[in-house]
Structure formats: C-alpha cells, structure tokens
Amino acid sequence: MREGILPLAVMERVIKTVANYRVSNGAKIALRDVLEEKGIEISKRAKVYAEHSKRTTLKEEDIKLAAKQK
C-alpha cells in the first residue's frame, strides 16, 4: 500500500459529511487516491498559469482557474 499525502482520517470525515455510514479502509484509500490525483492535475495547470504571468508563486486565482479547466 502506498503512502498518501492526505490522511485517511480526513477522508473518513469527508465521506461521513454526506453519509453517516461506517467507512471501509478501502473506501478511504480510494477517495484519497482520487483527490490526490485531481489535486496534482490542478496544481500542474496552476503552475502553467503562474509561469505565464512570470511569477514563481502560485496564487489562489491560479488554483481556481485551473480547477475550472477540464
């Protein structure tokens, strides 16, 4: 099993905000993997926006704009 960046306890809390069910370890791991993958994609696009603006700092608007892209 690979180590993720996001803690599994947080994944459980996220799931429980919409479903007050018990949460399997596999469900927590699956959600973590999906969110981390999506977060990496968004971060890569945001980096391009910052570079285009000749900045070395990612800003809130970079992330928001990147998240809107498909």
C-alpha atoms as a PDB file:
ATOM      1  CA  MET A   1       0.000   0.000   0.000  1.00  0.00           C
ATOM      2  CA  ARG A   2       1.394   3.379  -0.957  1.00  0.00           C
ATOM      3  CA  GLU A   3       1.539   6.245   1.465  1.00  0.00           C
ATOM      4  CA  GLY A   4      -0.651   9.160   0.537  1.00  0.00           C
ATOM      5  CA  ILE A   5      -0.303  12.823   1.257  1.00  0.00           C
ATOM      6  CA  LEU A   6      -3.798  13.224   2.699  1.00  0.00           C
ATOM      7  CA  PRO A   7      -4.585  11.475   5.987  1.00  0.00           C
ATOM      8  CA  LEU A   8      -7.152   8.676   5.921  1.00  0.00           C
ATOM      9  CA  ALA A   9      -8.928  10.125   8.972  1.00  0.00           C
ATOM     10  CA  VAL A  10      -9.730  13.218   6.915  1.00  0.00           C
ATOM     11  CA  MET A  11     -11.081  11.036   4.097  1.00  0.00           C
ATOM     12  CA  GLU A  12     -13.396   9.361   6.596  1.00  0.00           C
ATOM     13  CA  ARG A  13     -14.664  12.740   7.818  1.00  0.00           C
ATOM     14  CA  VAL A  14     -15.279  13.878   4.243  1.00  0.00           C
ATOM     15  CA  ILE A  15     -17.307  10.765   3.455  1.00  0.00           C
ATOM     16  CA  LYS A  16     -19.236  10.994   6.712  1.00  0.00           C
ATOM     17  CA  THR A  17     -20.338  14.556   5.935  1.00  0.00           C
ATOM     18  CA  VAL A  18     -22.667  13.122   3.297  1.00  0.00           C
ATOM     19  CA  ALA A  19     -23.270   9.603   4.584  1.00  0.00           C
ATOM     20  CA  ASN A  20     -23.347   8.692   8.241  1.00  0.00           C
ATOM     21  CA  TYR A  21     -22.206   5.149   7.461  1.00  0.00           C
ATOM     22  CA  ARG A  22     -19.239   3.162   8.584  1.00  0.00           C
ATOM     23  CA  VAL A  23     -16.399   3.669   6.132  1.00  0.00           C
ATOM     24  CA  SER A  24     -14.121   0.873   4.998  1.00  0.00           C
ATOM     25  CA  ASN A  25     -10.382   1.395   4.799  1.00  0.00           C
ATOM     26  CA  GLY A  26     -10.579   0.688   1.079  1.00  0.00           C
ATOM     27  CA  ALA A  27     -13.110   3.492   0.584  1.00  0.00           C
ATOM     28  CA  LYS A  28     -10.858   5.934   2.438  1.00  0.00           C
ATOM     29  CA  ILE A  29      -7.851   4.917   0.338  1.00  0.00           C
ATOM     30  CA  ALA A  30      -9.840   5.163  -2.907  1.00  0.00           C
ATOM     31  CA  LEU A  31     -11.076   8.671  -2.089  1.00  0.00           C
ATOM     32  CA  ARG A  32      -7.581   9.772  -1.060  1.00  0.00           C
ATOM     33  CA  ASP A  33      -6.114   8.469  -4.323  1.00  0.00           C
ATOM     34  CA  VAL A  34      -8.732  10.212  -6.458  1.00  0.00           C
ATOM     35  CA  LEU A  35      -8.408  13.531  -4.601  1.00  0.00           C
ATOM     36  CA  GLU A  36      -4.610  13.466  -4.699  1.00  0.00           C
ATOM     37  CA  GLU A  37      -4.598  12.692  -8.426  1.00  0.00           C
ATOM     38  CA  LYS A  38      -7.032  15.532  -9.129  1.00  0.00           C
ATOM     39  CA  GLY A  39      -5.032  17.870  -6.859  1.00  0.00           C
ATOM     40  CA  ILE A  40      -1.833  17.117  -8.757  1.00  0.00           C
ATOM     41  CA  GLU A  41      -3.532  17.789 -12.108  1.00  0.00           C
ATOM     42  CA  ILE A  42      -4.890  21.123 -10.873  1.00  0.00           C
ATOM     43  CA  SER A  43      -1.521  22.098  -9.386  1.00  0.00           C
ATOM     44  CA  LYS A  44       0.268  21.390 -12.671  1.00  0.00           C
ATOM     45  CA  ARG A  45      -2.184  23.582 -14.606  1.00  0.00           C
ATOM     46  CA  ALA A  46      -1.929  26.321 -11.965  1.00  0.00           C
ATOM     47  CA  LYS A  47       1.855  26.255 -12.312  1.00  0.00           C
ATOM     48  CA  VAL A  48       1.487  26.963 -16.031  1.00  0.00           C
ATOM     49  CA  TYR A  49      -0.710  29.991 -15.279  1.00  0.00           C
ATOM     50  CA  ALA A  50       1.811  31.336 -12.778  1.00  0.00           C
ATOM     51  CA  GLU A  51       4.689  30.813 -15.225  1.00  0.00           C
ATOM     52  CA  HIS A  52       2.714  32.596 -17.952  1.00  0.00           C
ATOM     53  CA  SER A  53       2.376  35.548 -15.569  1.00  0.00           C
ATOM     54  CA  LYS A  54       6.133  35.358 -14.867  1.00  0.00           C
ATOM     55  CA  ARG A  55       5.551  34.506 -11.207  1.00  0.00           C
ATOM     56  CA  THR A  56       7.153  31.859  -9.035  1.00  0.00           C
ATOM     57  CA  THR A  57       4.264  31.919  -6.568  1.00  0.00           C
ATOM     58  CA  LEU A  58       1.008  30.064  -7.163  1.00  0.00           C
ATOM     59  CA  LYS A  59      -1.913  32.252  -6.211  1.00  0.00           C
ATOM     60  CA  GLU A  60      -5.491  31.497  -5.272  1.00  0.00           C
ATOM     61  CA  GLU A  61      -6.700  32.603  -8.690  1.00  0.00           C
ATOM     62  CA  ASP A  62      -4.283  30.177 -10.408  1.00  0.00           C
ATOM     63  CA  ILE A  63      -5.767  27.265  -8.491  1.00  0.00           C
ATOM     64  CA  LYS A  64      -9.369  28.388  -9.054  1.00  0.00           C
ATOM     65  CA  LEU A  65      -8.817  28.913 -12.768  1.00  0.00           C
ATOM     66  CA  ALA A  66      -7.045  25.566 -13.112  1.00  0.00           C
ATOM     67  CA  ALA A  67      -9.842  23.790 -11.255  1.00  0.00           C
ATOM     68  CA  LYS A  68     -12.398  25.121 -13.742  1.00  0.00           C
ATOM     69  CA  GLN A  69     -10.486  23.600 -16.677  1.00  0.00           C
ATOM     70  CA  LYS A  70     -11.202  20.065 -17.841  1.00  0.00           C
END
